[in-house]
Amino acid sequence: MVEKSKLDEDKEGKAVDLSHYHGMIGTLLYLIASRPDLQFVISMCARYQAWPTVKHIHT
């Protein structure tokens, strides 16, 4: 189990296009049914849909 994720809140970061970010998450959601090992990673990415920044996408 991961104790500390590498993703953290970036209040000062540059905002990105939400529709692009939501599209990326939506594309990955179908993998949860066939690849349960990816569920944790996808859920961590989905947490940042409210305010995604460049740091969250390009790290």
N, C-alpha and C. Protein backbone atom coordinates (compact mmCIF):
# COMPACT_ATOMS: atom_id res chain seq x y z
N MET A 1 0.84 -1.18 0.00
CA MET A 1 0.00 0.00 0.00
C MET A 1 0.88 1.25 0.00
N VAL A 2 0.47 2.23 -0.73
CA VAL A 2 1.23 3.47 -0.83
C VAL A 2 0.87 4.38 0.33
N GLU A 3 1.88 4.82 1.08
CA GLU A 3 1.63 5.69 2.22
C GLU A 3 1.52 7.15 1.82
N LYS A 4 2.30 7.58 0.86
CA LYS A 4 2.28 8.98 0.42
C LYS A 4 2.30 9.00 -1.10
N SER A 5 1.30 9.62 -1.68
CA SER A 5 1.26 9.70 -3.13
C SER A 5 2.17 10.83 -3.61
N LYS A 6 2.58 10.75 -4.86
CA LYS A 6 3.43 11.79 -5.43
C LYS A 6 2.61 13.00 -5.88
N LEU A 7 1.30 12.81 -6.02
CA LEU A 7 0.44 13.93 -6.41
C LEU A 7 0.13 14.76 -5.17
N ASP A 8 0.27 16.05 -5.28
CA ASP A 8 -0.08 16.93 -4.18
C ASP A 8 -0.81 18.15 -4.73
N GLU A 9 -1.45 18.88 -3.82
CA GLU A 9 -2.21 20.05 -4.23
C GLU A 9 -1.26 21.13 -4.73
N ASP A 10 -1.63 21.77 -5.81
CA ASP A 10 -0.79 22.80 -6.42
C ASP A 10 -1.64 24.06 -6.60
N LYS A 11 -1.83 24.81 -5.51
CA LYS A 11 -2.70 26.00 -5.53
C LYS A 11 -2.15 27.11 -6.41
N GLU A 12 -0.86 27.16 -6.60
CA GLU A 12 -0.23 28.22 -7.38
C GLU A 12 -0.02 27.84 -8.85
N GLY A 13 -0.40 26.64 -9.22
CA GLY A 13 -0.13 26.13 -10.57
C GLY A 13 -1.01 26.74 -11.64
N LYS A 14 -0.58 26.60 -12.87
CA LYS A 14 -1.31 27.10 -14.03
C LYS A 14 -2.42 26.11 -14.38
N ALA A 15 -3.66 26.60 -14.49
CA ALA A 15 -4.81 25.75 -14.79
C ALA A 15 -4.74 25.24 -16.24
N VAL A 16 -5.32 24.08 -16.47
CA VAL A 16 -5.37 23.49 -17.81
C VAL A 16 -6.83 23.37 -18.25
N ASP A 17 -7.02 23.01 -19.51
CA ASP A 17 -8.35 22.84 -20.07
C ASP A 17 -9.05 21.66 -19.40
N LEU A 18 -10.15 21.91 -18.68
CA LEU A 18 -10.84 20.87 -17.94
C LEU A 18 -11.41 19.78 -18.85
N SER A 19 -11.89 20.15 -20.03
CA SER A 19 -12.48 19.15 -20.91
C SER A 19 -11.42 18.14 -21.37
N HIS A 20 -10.20 18.59 -21.59
CA HIS A 20 -9.12 17.68 -21.97
C HIS A 20 -8.80 16.74 -20.82
N TYR A 21 -8.71 17.27 -19.62
CA TYR A 21 -8.39 16.47 -18.44
C TYR A 21 -9.49 15.46 -18.15
N HIS A 22 -10.75 15.89 -18.21
CA HIS A 22 -11.87 14.98 -17.98
C HIS A 22 -11.91 13.89 -19.04
N GLY A 23 -11.57 14.23 -20.26
CA GLY A 23 -11.52 13.24 -21.33
C GLY A 23 -10.48 12.17 -21.08
N MET A 24 -9.32 12.58 -20.56
CA MET A 24 -8.27 11.61 -20.25
C MET A 24 -8.75 10.64 -19.17
N ILE A 25 -9.39 11.16 -18.13
CA ILE A 25 -9.88 10.30 -17.05
C ILE A 25 -10.98 9.39 -17.57
N GLY A 26 -11.90 9.94 -18.37
CA GLY A 26 -12.98 9.13 -18.93
C GLY A 26 -12.46 8.00 -19.80
N THR A 27 -11.41 8.25 -20.54
CA THR A 27 -10.82 7.22 -21.39
C THR A 27 -10.23 6.09 -20.55
N LEU A 28 -9.70 6.42 -19.40
CA LEU A 28 -9.08 5.41 -18.54
C LEU A 28 -10.09 4.61 -17.71
N LEU A 29 -11.28 5.13 -17.50
CA LEU A 29 -12.22 4.46 -16.60
C LEU A 29 -12.64 3.07 -17.07
N TYR A 30 -12.68 2.85 -18.37
CA TYR A 30 -13.07 1.53 -18.86
C TYR A 30 -12.06 0.45 -18.47
N LEU A 31 -10.84 0.83 -18.18
CA LEU A 31 -9.81 -0.13 -17.80
C LEU A 31 -10.05 -0.76 -16.43
N ILE A 32 -10.80 -0.08 -15.57
CA ILE A 32 -11.00 -0.59 -14.21
C ILE A 32 -11.63 -1.98 -14.22
N ALA A 33 -12.59 -2.20 -15.11
CA ALA A 33 -13.26 -3.50 -15.15
C ALA A 33 -12.33 -4.62 -15.61
N SER A 34 -11.48 -4.33 -16.57
CA SER A 34 -10.61 -5.38 -17.11
C SER A 34 -9.24 -5.44 -16.45
N ARG A 35 -8.81 -4.35 -15.83
CA ARG A 35 -7.49 -4.29 -15.19
C ARG A 35 -7.61 -3.70 -13.80
N PRO A 36 -8.05 -4.49 -12.81
CA PRO A 36 -8.25 -3.95 -11.46
C PRO A 36 -6.97 -3.39 -10.83
N ASP A 37 -5.81 -3.81 -11.29
CA ASP A 37 -4.55 -3.29 -10.75
C ASP A 37 -4.37 -1.80 -11.07
N LEU A 38 -5.06 -1.30 -12.09
CA LEU A 38 -4.96 0.11 -12.46
C LEU A 38 -5.95 0.99 -11.71
N GLN A 39 -6.86 0.40 -10.96
CA GLN A 39 -7.91 1.17 -10.30
C GLN A 39 -7.34 2.22 -9.35
N PHE A 40 -6.32 1.89 -8.58
CA PHE A 40 -5.74 2.85 -7.64
C PHE A 40 -5.15 4.05 -8.37
N VAL A 41 -4.40 3.81 -9.41
CA VAL A 41 -3.76 4.89 -10.16
C VAL A 41 -4.80 5.81 -10.79
N ILE A 42 -5.83 5.23 -11.38
CA ILE A 42 -6.88 6.02 -12.02
C ILE A 42 -7.64 6.84 -10.98
N SER A 43 -7.91 6.25 -9.82
CA SER A 43 -8.62 7.01 -8.78
C SER A 43 -7.78 8.17 -8.26
N MET A 44 -6.45 7.99 -8.18
CA MET A 44 -5.58 9.08 -7.75
C MET A 44 -5.61 10.22 -8.76
N CYS A 45 -5.62 9.91 -10.05
CA CYS A 45 -5.69 10.94 -11.08
C CYS A 45 -7.05 11.64 -11.05
N ALA A 46 -8.10 10.89 -10.81
CA ALA A 46 -9.45 11.46 -10.81
C ALA A 46 -9.66 12.44 -9.66
N ARG A 47 -8.88 12.34 -8.60
CA ARG A 47 -9.02 13.26 -7.47
C ARG A 47 -8.73 14.71 -7.85
N TYR A 48 -7.98 14.92 -8.90
CA TYR A 48 -7.55 16.26 -9.27
C TYR A 48 -8.39 16.87 -10.39
N GLN A 49 -9.59 16.36 -10.62
CA GLN A 49 -10.45 16.90 -11.67
C GLN A 49 -10.99 18.27 -11.32
N ALA A 50 -11.13 18.59 -10.04
CA ALA A 50 -11.70 19.87 -9.64
C ALA A 50 -10.80 21.04 -10.04
N TRP A 51 -9.50 20.90 -9.91
CA TRP A 51 -8.56 21.98 -10.23
C TRP A 51 -7.25 21.40 -10.77
N PRO A 52 -7.28 20.82 -11.96
CA PRO A 52 -6.05 20.25 -12.52
C PRO A 52 -5.10 21.35 -12.97
N THR A 53 -3.83 21.14 -12.74
CA THR A 53 -2.82 22.09 -13.18
C THR A 53 -1.82 21.38 -14.08
N VAL A 54 -0.95 22.14 -14.69
CA VAL A 54 0.06 21.59 -15.58
C VAL A 54 0.94 20.60 -14.82
N LYS A 55 1.24 20.88 -13.57
CA LYS A 55 2.08 20.00 -12.76
C LYS A 55 1.47 18.60 -12.65
N HIS A 56 0.15 18.50 -12.52
CA HIS A 56 -0.50 17.20 -12.35
C HIS A 56 -0.51 16.39 -13.64
N ILE A 57 -0.45 17.02 -14.78
CA ILE A 57 -0.52 16.31 -16.05
C ILE A 57 0.86 15.96 -16.57
N HIS A 58 1.84 16.81 -16.36
CA HIS A 58 3.16 16.64 -16.98
C HIS A 58 4.25 16.22 -16.01
N THR A 59 3.92 15.49 -14.93
CA THR A 59 4.98 15.04 -14.03
C THR A 59 5.24 13.58 -14.20
